Amino acid sequence: MDELDFDWPCGFARFEIAIWNPERIWFDEAELAALAAALGHPVSQIRAHL
C-alpha cells in the first residue's frame, strides 16, 4: 500500500453513499455538516470518474 500513487483527495471507507449523474459537482460545507449530523459521524466528499 505504501507504494501506491493516489491523486488527492482519495480515501478508504467502510461504506459509501454513491450519487450517479448529479446535477452539480460538489456538496457545500452546510450540506456535508447536515449529512454528518444525520449519520452521527464525520463525512468526506470524494469524486470518482468511472
N, C-alpha and C. Protein backbone atom coordinates (compact mmCIF):
# COMPACT_ATOMS: atom_id res chain seq x y z
N MET A 1 0.81 -1.19 0.00
CA MET A 1 0.00 0.00 0.00
C MET A 1 0.86 1.26 0.00
N ASP A 2 2.02 1.23 0.63
CA ASP A 2 2.82 2.44 0.75
C ASP A 2 3.46 2.84 -0.58
N GLU A 3 3.40 1.98 -1.59
CA GLU A 3 3.97 2.31 -2.89
C GLU A 3 2.92 2.76 -3.91
N LEU A 4 1.65 2.78 -3.51
CA LEU A 4 0.60 3.24 -4.41
C LEU A 4 0.66 4.75 -4.56
N ASP A 5 0.33 5.24 -5.74
CA ASP A 5 0.32 6.67 -6.01
C ASP A 5 -1.13 7.13 -6.17
N PHE A 6 -1.63 7.90 -5.20
CA PHE A 6 -3.01 8.35 -5.20
C PHE A 6 -3.11 9.81 -5.62
N ASP A 7 -4.16 10.14 -6.37
CA ASP A 7 -4.50 11.54 -6.63
C ASP A 7 -5.36 12.02 -5.47
N TRP A 8 -5.06 13.19 -4.95
CA TRP A 8 -5.79 13.73 -3.82
C TRP A 8 -7.06 14.41 -4.28
N PRO A 9 -8.22 14.38 -3.60
CA PRO A 9 -8.47 13.60 -2.40
C PRO A 9 -8.84 12.16 -2.74
N CYS A 10 -8.50 11.27 -1.86
CA CYS A 10 -8.86 9.87 -2.02
C CYS A 10 -9.02 9.29 -0.63
N GLY A 11 -9.56 8.09 -0.54
CA GLY A 11 -9.72 7.51 0.77
C GLY A 11 -10.22 6.08 0.70
N PHE A 12 -10.22 5.46 1.85
CA PHE A 12 -10.77 4.13 2.03
C PHE A 12 -11.94 4.27 2.98
N ALA A 13 -12.98 3.48 2.78
CA ALA A 13 -14.18 3.63 3.60
C ALA A 13 -14.78 2.27 3.93
N ARG A 14 -15.60 2.26 4.95
CA ARG A 14 -16.34 1.05 5.29
C ARG A 14 -17.61 0.96 4.45
N PHE A 15 -18.13 2.08 4.05
CA PHE A 15 -19.29 2.11 3.17
C PHE A 15 -19.26 3.40 2.37
N GLU A 16 -20.10 3.47 1.37
CA GLU A 16 -20.17 4.68 0.56
C GLU A 16 -21.61 5.02 0.27
N ILE A 17 -21.84 6.29 0.03
CA ILE A 17 -23.10 6.78 -0.50
C ILE A 17 -22.76 7.29 -1.89
N ALA A 18 -23.26 6.63 -2.90
CA ALA A 18 -22.93 7.00 -4.28
C ALA A 18 -24.09 7.74 -4.92
N ILE A 19 -23.77 8.81 -5.61
CA ILE A 19 -24.76 9.59 -6.34
C ILE A 19 -24.33 9.60 -7.79
N TRP A 20 -25.11 8.99 -8.65
CA TRP A 20 -24.77 8.88 -10.07
C TRP A 20 -25.38 10.05 -10.84
N ASN A 21 -24.57 10.65 -11.71
CA ASN A 21 -25.01 11.74 -12.59
C ASN A 21 -25.67 12.90 -11.84
N PRO A 22 -24.96 13.46 -10.87
CA PRO A 22 -25.54 14.57 -10.12
C PRO A 22 -25.70 15.81 -11.01
N GLU A 23 -26.60 16.68 -10.61
CA GLU A 23 -26.83 17.92 -11.33
C GLU A 23 -25.72 18.95 -11.07
N ARG A 24 -24.90 18.71 -10.07
CA ARG A 24 -23.81 19.63 -9.72
C ARG A 24 -22.60 18.83 -9.29
N ILE A 25 -21.50 19.50 -9.08
CA ILE A 25 -20.25 18.80 -8.83
C ILE A 25 -20.02 18.50 -7.35
N TRP A 26 -20.15 19.49 -6.45
CA TRP A 26 -19.79 19.33 -5.04
C TRP A 26 -20.96 19.68 -4.12
N PHE A 27 -21.00 19.04 -2.93
CA PHE A 27 -21.87 19.49 -1.85
C PHE A 27 -21.15 20.63 -1.14
N ASP A 28 -21.91 21.59 -0.60
CA ASP A 28 -21.25 22.67 0.15
C ASP A 28 -21.06 22.23 1.61
N GLU A 29 -20.35 23.06 2.37
CA GLU A 29 -20.00 22.69 3.76
C GLU A 29 -21.23 22.48 4.63
N ALA A 30 -22.27 23.30 4.44
CA ALA A 30 -23.50 23.15 5.23
C ALA A 30 -24.18 21.81 4.94
N GLU A 31 -24.21 21.40 3.68
CA GLU A 31 -24.81 20.13 3.31
C GLU A 31 -24.02 18.96 3.88
N LEU A 32 -22.69 19.04 3.83
CA LEU A 32 -21.86 17.99 4.41
C LEU A 32 -22.04 17.91 5.92
N ALA A 33 -22.16 19.07 6.57
CA ALA A 33 -22.38 19.09 8.02
C ALA A 33 -23.72 18.46 8.37
N ALA A 34 -24.76 18.75 7.58
CA ALA A 34 -26.08 18.17 7.83
C ALA A 34 -26.05 16.65 7.63
N LEU A 35 -25.36 16.20 6.61
CA LEU A 35 -25.23 14.76 6.37
C LEU A 35 -24.47 14.08 7.51
N ALA A 36 -23.38 14.71 7.95
CA ALA A 36 -22.60 14.16 9.07
C ALA A 36 -23.44 14.09 10.34
N ALA A 37 -24.25 15.12 10.58
CA ALA A 37 -25.11 15.13 11.77
C ALA A 37 -26.15 14.02 11.68
N ALA A 38 -26.72 13.81 10.50
CA ALA A 38 -27.73 12.76 10.33
C ALA A 38 -27.12 11.37 10.52
N LEU A 39 -25.88 11.19 10.06
CA LEU A 39 -25.21 9.90 10.19
C LEU A 39 -24.55 9.70 11.55
N GLY A 40 -24.29 10.81 12.25
CA GLY A 40 -23.62 10.73 13.53
C GLY A 40 -22.13 10.45 13.40
N HIS A 41 -21.56 10.85 12.26
CA HIS A 41 -20.14 10.58 12.00
C HIS A 41 -19.64 11.57 10.95
N PRO A 42 -18.39 12.02 11.05
CA PRO A 42 -17.85 12.92 10.03
C PRO A 42 -17.86 12.26 8.65
N VAL A 43 -18.05 13.06 7.63
CA VAL A 43 -18.05 12.55 6.26
C VAL A 43 -17.03 13.30 5.42
N SER A 44 -16.58 12.66 4.35
CA SER A 44 -15.70 13.29 3.37
C SER A 44 -16.33 13.15 2.00
N GLN A 45 -16.05 14.09 1.16
CA GLN A 45 -16.58 14.09 -0.21
C GLN A 45 -15.44 13.76 -1.16
N ILE A 46 -15.58 12.67 -1.88
CA ILE A 46 -14.57 12.24 -2.82
C ILE A 46 -15.26 11.92 -4.14
N ARG A 47 -14.84 12.60 -5.19
CA ARG A 47 -15.43 12.37 -6.50
C ARG A 47 -14.68 11.28 -7.24
N ALA A 48 -15.41 10.51 -8.01
CA ALA A 48 -14.80 9.44 -8.81
C ALA A 48 -15.27 9.59 -10.25
N HIS A 49 -14.38 9.41 -11.16
CA HIS A 49 -14.73 9.41 -12.58
C HIS A 49 -14.63 7.97 -13.06
N LEU A 50 -15.78 7.40 -13.40
CA LEU A 50 -15.80 5.99 -13.82
C LEU A 50 -16.01 5.88 -15.30
